[in-house]
Protein backbone atom coordinates (compact mmCIF):
# COMPACT_ATOMS: atom_id res chain seq x y z
CA MET A 1 93.63 113.98 75.07
CA LYS A 2 94.51 112.53 71.63
CA ASP A 3 98.07 111.56 70.98
CA GLY A 4 99.88 114.25 69.02
CA LYS A 5 97.92 117.17 70.33
CA LYS A 6 100.31 120.00 71.18
CA LEU A 7 100.42 120.97 74.89
CA THR A 8 100.27 124.55 76.00
CA ALA A 9 102.31 125.73 78.96
CA SER A 10 99.20 125.63 81.19
CA GLN A 11 98.13 122.18 80.28
CA ARG A 12 99.03 119.28 82.62
CA GLU A 13 97.26 116.30 81.03
CA PRO A 14 99.61 113.40 80.18
CA VAL A 15 100.37 112.96 76.43
CA LYS A 16 100.53 109.12 76.90
CA THR A 17 100.07 106.65 79.75
CA PHE A 18 102.07 103.50 80.12
CA GLU A 19 100.10 100.89 82.14
CA GLY A 20 101.17 97.44 83.37
CA HIS A 21 103.27 97.66 86.50
CA GLU A 22 101.52 96.44 89.59
CA GLU A 23 103.59 98.53 92.00
CA GLY A 24 105.50 101.83 91.99
CA PHE A 25 108.14 102.73 89.36
CA THR A 26 111.65 103.01 90.68
CA SER A 27 113.51 103.98 87.50
CA VAL A 28 113.02 104.92 83.91
CA ALA A 29 115.55 105.08 81.08
CA THR A 30 115.25 106.17 77.41
CA PHE A 31 116.73 104.33 74.50
CA PRO A 32 119.18 106.37 72.35
CA HIS A 33 116.77 106.48 69.40
CA GLY A 34 113.98 107.72 71.65
CA LYS A 35 111.51 105.22 70.35
CA ARG A 36 111.44 103.01 73.46
CA ILE A 37 111.77 103.35 77.24
CA ALA A 38 112.67 100.84 79.92
CA THR A 39 111.14 100.88 83.41
CA GLY A 40 111.94 99.17 86.68
CA SER A 41 109.51 98.51 89.46
CA LYS A 42 108.95 97.22 92.96
CA ASP A 43 106.74 94.62 91.28
CA LYS A 44 110.05 92.79 90.43
CA THR A 45 109.88 93.43 86.69
CA ILE A 46 111.71 95.34 84.00
CA ARG A 47 109.53 96.33 81.01
CA ILE A 48 110.28 97.73 77.63
CA TRP A 49 107.70 100.06 76.11
CA ARG A 50 107.11 101.62 72.70
CA VAL A 51 106.85 105.39 73.07
CA GLU A 52 104.62 105.80 70.02
CA ASP A 53 101.65 104.02 71.40
CA GLY A 54 102.57 103.06 74.93
CA LYS A 55 102.58 99.35 74.11
CA GLU A 56 104.50 96.93 76.37
CA MET A 57 107.07 95.21 74.11
CA LYS A 58 108.95 92.97 76.63
CA LYS A 59 108.81 92.00 80.28
CA TRP A 60 111.49 90.37 82.45
CA VAL A 61 110.55 88.98 85.83
CA MET A 62 113.37 89.33 88.42
CA LYS A 63 113.57 87.64 91.79
CA LYS A 64 113.61 90.83 93.81
CA ASN A 65 112.72 94.53 93.47
CA VAL A 66 114.31 96.53 90.65
CA THR A 67 115.73 99.74 92.02
CA ALA A 68 117.76 101.16 89.04
CA ILE A 69 118.26 100.64 85.35
CA ALA A 70 120.46 101.90 82.59
CA ILE A 71 120.60 101.43 78.78
CA LEU A 72 123.94 100.17 77.37
CA ARG A 73 125.50 99.57 74.00
CA ASP A 74 123.24 101.84 71.94
CA GLY A 75 120.17 100.11 73.30
CA MET A 76 121.37 96.53 72.90
CA GLN A 77 121.55 95.93 76.61
CA VAL A 78 119.69 96.94 79.84
CA ALA A 79 121.52 96.92 83.15
CA SER A 80 119.52 96.69 86.37
CA ALA A 81 120.15 96.74 90.13
CA VAL A 82 118.04 94.25 92.10
CA GLY A 83 117.51 93.66 95.78
CA ASP A 84 115.03 93.38 98.62
CA THR A 85 114.00 96.90 99.55
CA GLY A 86 111.42 95.83 102.11
CA ASP A 87 111.04 98.56 104.70
CA PHE A 88 114.49 99.90 104.19
CA SER A 89 115.20 103.03 106.40
CA GLU A 90 118.08 105.07 107.63
CA GLU A 91 118.45 102.70 110.53
CA ASP A 92 119.40 99.99 108.04
CA LEU A 93 122.27 101.93 106.43
CA ASP A 94 125.00 99.98 108.23
CA LYS A 95 123.37 96.57 107.83
CA THR A 96 124.85 94.28 105.19
CA VAL A 97 122.24 93.65 102.44
CA ASP A 98 123.43 91.90 99.21
CA TRP A 99 122.51 93.84 96.11
CA GLN A 100 123.13 92.46 92.57
CA LEU A 101 123.49 93.94 89.09
CA TRP A 102 122.22 92.10 86.04
CA VAL A 103 122.60 92.81 82.35
CA HIS A 104 120.02 91.58 79.77
CA ASP A 105 120.07 91.53 75.99
CA THR A 106 117.12 93.65 74.88
CA GLY A 107 116.46 91.59 71.86
CA THR A 108 116.44 88.04 73.33
CA GLY A 109 116.04 88.86 77.07
CA LYS A 110 118.93 86.57 77.86
CA VAL A 111 121.34 87.40 80.70
CA VAL A 112 124.56 88.83 79.40
CA ALA A 113 126.18 89.36 82.74
CA GLY A 114 125.19 88.78 86.38
CA PRO A 115 124.75 88.51 89.10
CA LEU A 116 127.42 91.15 89.66
CA ASP A 117 128.15 91.24 93.41
CA GLY A 118 129.90 93.89 95.36
CA HIS A 119 127.57 96.33 96.90
CA THR A 120 126.44 95.55 100.45
CA SER A 121 123.36 97.89 100.59
CA LEU A 122 120.67 99.51 98.54
CA VAL A 123 121.61 100.55 94.96
CA LEU A 124 119.60 103.42 93.51
CA ALA A 125 122.01 104.74 90.91
CA LEU A 126 123.32 103.43 87.60
CA ASP A 127 124.86 105.34 84.62
CA ASN A 128 126.90 104.53 81.57
CA SER A 129 130.00 106.49 80.55
CA PRO A 130 129.89 108.48 77.27
CA ASP A 131 132.08 105.97 75.45
CA GLY A 132 130.11 103.06 76.87
CA SER A 133 133.12 101.43 78.48
CA ILE A 134 132.10 101.91 82.14
CA LEU A 135 128.98 101.32 84.08
CA ALA A 136 128.98 103.17 87.44
CA SER A 137 126.80 101.89 90.29
CA GLY A 138 126.17 103.97 93.44
CA SER A 139 125.01 102.47 96.75
CA PHE A 140 123.90 103.29 100.24
CA ASP A 141 127.02 101.40 101.23
CA ARG A 142 128.74 104.82 100.52
CA THR A 143 130.63 103.55 97.44
CA VAL A 144 130.57 103.73 93.72
CA ILE A 145 131.76 100.65 91.78
CA LEU A 146 133.03 101.04 88.18
CA TRP A 147 132.34 98.08 85.97
CA ASP A 148 134.20 97.35 82.70
CA THR A 149 131.37 96.68 80.20
CA ALA A 150 133.56 94.50 78.03
CA THR A 151 134.52 92.00 80.77
CA TRP A 152 132.06 92.89 83.55
CA GLN A 153 134.89 92.91 85.98
CA ARG A 154 135.45 95.80 88.45
CA LYS A 155 137.84 98.55 87.37
CA GLY A 156 139.91 99.11 90.44
CA ASP A 157 138.67 99.64 94.02
CA PRO A 158 135.33 101.24 94.68
CA LEU A 159 135.22 105.00 95.00
CA LYS A 160 134.77 105.96 98.65
CA CYS A 161 132.05 108.61 98.89
CA GLU A 162 131.63 108.90 102.70
CA ALA A 163 127.89 109.02 102.58
CA PRO A 164 124.91 107.02 101.04
CA VAL A 165 124.94 107.48 97.21
CA ILE A 166 121.63 108.49 95.71
CA CYS A 167 122.64 109.50 92.14
CA VAL A 168 125.53 109.07 89.69
CA ARG A 169 125.74 110.89 86.34
CA PHE A 170 128.53 111.09 83.76
CA SER A 171 129.23 114.38 81.98
CA ALA A 172 129.81 114.48 78.24
CA ALA A 173 133.47 114.91 79.08
CA GLY A 174 133.57 111.74 81.12
CA GLN A 175 133.64 113.26 84.65
CA LEU A 176 131.53 111.36 87.16
CA GLY A 177 129.08 113.32 89.40
CA VAL A 178 128.04 111.59 92.64
CA GLY A 179 125.14 112.73 94.64
CA THR A 180 124.80 111.82 98.26
CA ASN A 181 122.54 113.04 101.03
CA THR A 182 125.22 115.44 102.23
CA HIS A 183 127.34 116.38 99.18
CA ILE A 184 127.68 116.52 95.42
CA GLN A 185 131.07 115.14 94.33
CA ILE A 186 132.81 115.40 90.95
CA TRP A 187 135.40 112.69 90.12
CA ASP A 188 138.08 112.36 87.53
CA LEU A 189 138.07 108.58 86.87
CA ASP A 190 141.40 108.50 84.97
CA ARG A 191 143.16 109.74 88.01
CA ARG A 192 140.59 108.43 90.44
CA GLU A 193 140.64 111.86 91.99
CA ARG A 194 137.83 113.91 93.57
CA LEU A 195 137.99 117.19 91.74
CA ALA A 196 135.27 119.02 93.67
CA GLN A 197 132.84 118.54 96.51
CA PHE A 198 130.06 120.94 97.57
CA ASN A 199 127.03 120.69 99.83
CA GLY A 200 124.38 121.40 97.19
CA HIS A 201 120.91 121.23 98.73
CA LYS A 202 122.34 120.37 102.04
CA ASP A 203 122.91 124.09 102.64
CA PHE A 204 119.18 124.65 102.30
CA LYS A 205 117.11 123.35 105.22
CA ASP A 206 119.48 120.35 105.52
CA SER A 207 118.00 118.90 102.33
CA GLY A 208 119.32 115.84 100.44
CA ASN A 209 120.68 115.84 96.88
CA MET A 210 118.17 113.52 95.22
CA SER A 211 119.10 113.65 91.56
CA PHE A 212 120.98 115.74 89.03
CA THR A 213 121.96 115.99 85.36
CA TRP A 214 124.57 117.84 83.34
CA THR A 215 123.77 120.37 80.60
CA ARG A 216 124.91 119.24 77.17
CA ASP A 217 127.72 121.79 77.03
CA GLY A 218 128.90 120.77 80.55
CA GLY A 219 128.64 124.37 81.74
CA HIS A 220 126.09 123.63 84.44
CA LEU A 221 124.85 120.89 86.68
CA LEU A 222 121.10 120.87 87.57
CA SER A 223 120.10 119.27 90.88
CA ALA A 224 116.84 118.34 92.59
CA GLY A 225 116.25 118.50 96.34
CA ASP A 226 114.06 116.56 98.71
CA GLU A 227 110.93 117.62 100.50
CA HIS A 228 112.90 120.19 102.58
CA ASP A 229 114.12 122.01 99.48
CA PRO A 230 111.82 120.92 96.59
CA VAL A 231 113.50 123.05 93.88
CA ILE A 232 115.85 122.70 90.95
CA ARG A 233 119.15 124.44 91.52
CA SER A 234 121.81 125.30 88.81
CA TRP A 235 125.49 125.03 89.56
CA ASP A 236 128.29 126.68 87.46
CA THR A 237 130.77 123.88 86.77
CA SER A 238 133.71 126.33 86.58
CA THR A 239 133.25 127.59 90.14
CA TRP A 240 130.73 125.01 91.66
CA THR A 241 128.69 127.88 92.94
CA GLN A 242 125.00 128.40 92.42
CA ALA A 243 124.02 130.12 89.21
CA TYR A 244 120.65 131.92 88.85
CA ASP A 245 117.68 131.65 91.14
CA PRO A 246 116.28 128.18 91.79
CA TRP A 247 113.30 126.84 89.82
CA THR A 248 110.38 126.47 91.98
CA GLY A 249 106.87 124.83 91.68
CA HIS A 250 107.15 121.44 93.29
CA SER A 251 105.86 121.06 96.83
CA ASP A 252 107.56 117.77 97.71
CA GLN A 253 110.61 115.69 96.95
CA ILE A 254 111.77 115.89 93.34
């Protein structure tokens, strides 16, 4: 298919393919202007791509696997979580495994901050607050650490989430959503108070909450389940109850 050809609802061919990673992608982040994306991989690299033609613009080689990335400061910086995933399994949840965060300048590739230590297990989740002042990192060590992006010091004690953290996402209003394999939690960071907690996909075939995002108006949160509940569910943020029927189609973990 030629670039620029409009897709119909029934077509499934990719519009563009980005080739270069030698092992599986673990994360993708879009720059604010939409013209570039950043990807992290188990091949121990972070790559910056031009969306227009799929060209690889930059590549940084890390010492260990890249498990999460986030774009900071209007695209001027890329934050990453790096560690040795190996054959990580549920049996390893209580083992201490050092995980580090790094921040690179997207123009020069130089390290702006890092290694940032604190997590003691796999980190799969990074997100930047709407005002850019906080980077949240979520870990299988059952905590979320909040980092001050001006000083790269921790902002207070980690949030204790009681279960391995799989996803973190800020709302436009600045609330932090935390997805674990048992709950979805909503936090007010100014008061460091958990505002809500609900089971999410856990109520459906004991599924995990794999990822989620907020709608722009903040009225709903859309979540994705694992292979036991491979659907998208919408949650009304005024009641934290499910809204509408789930969106189906996937046959495995989303």
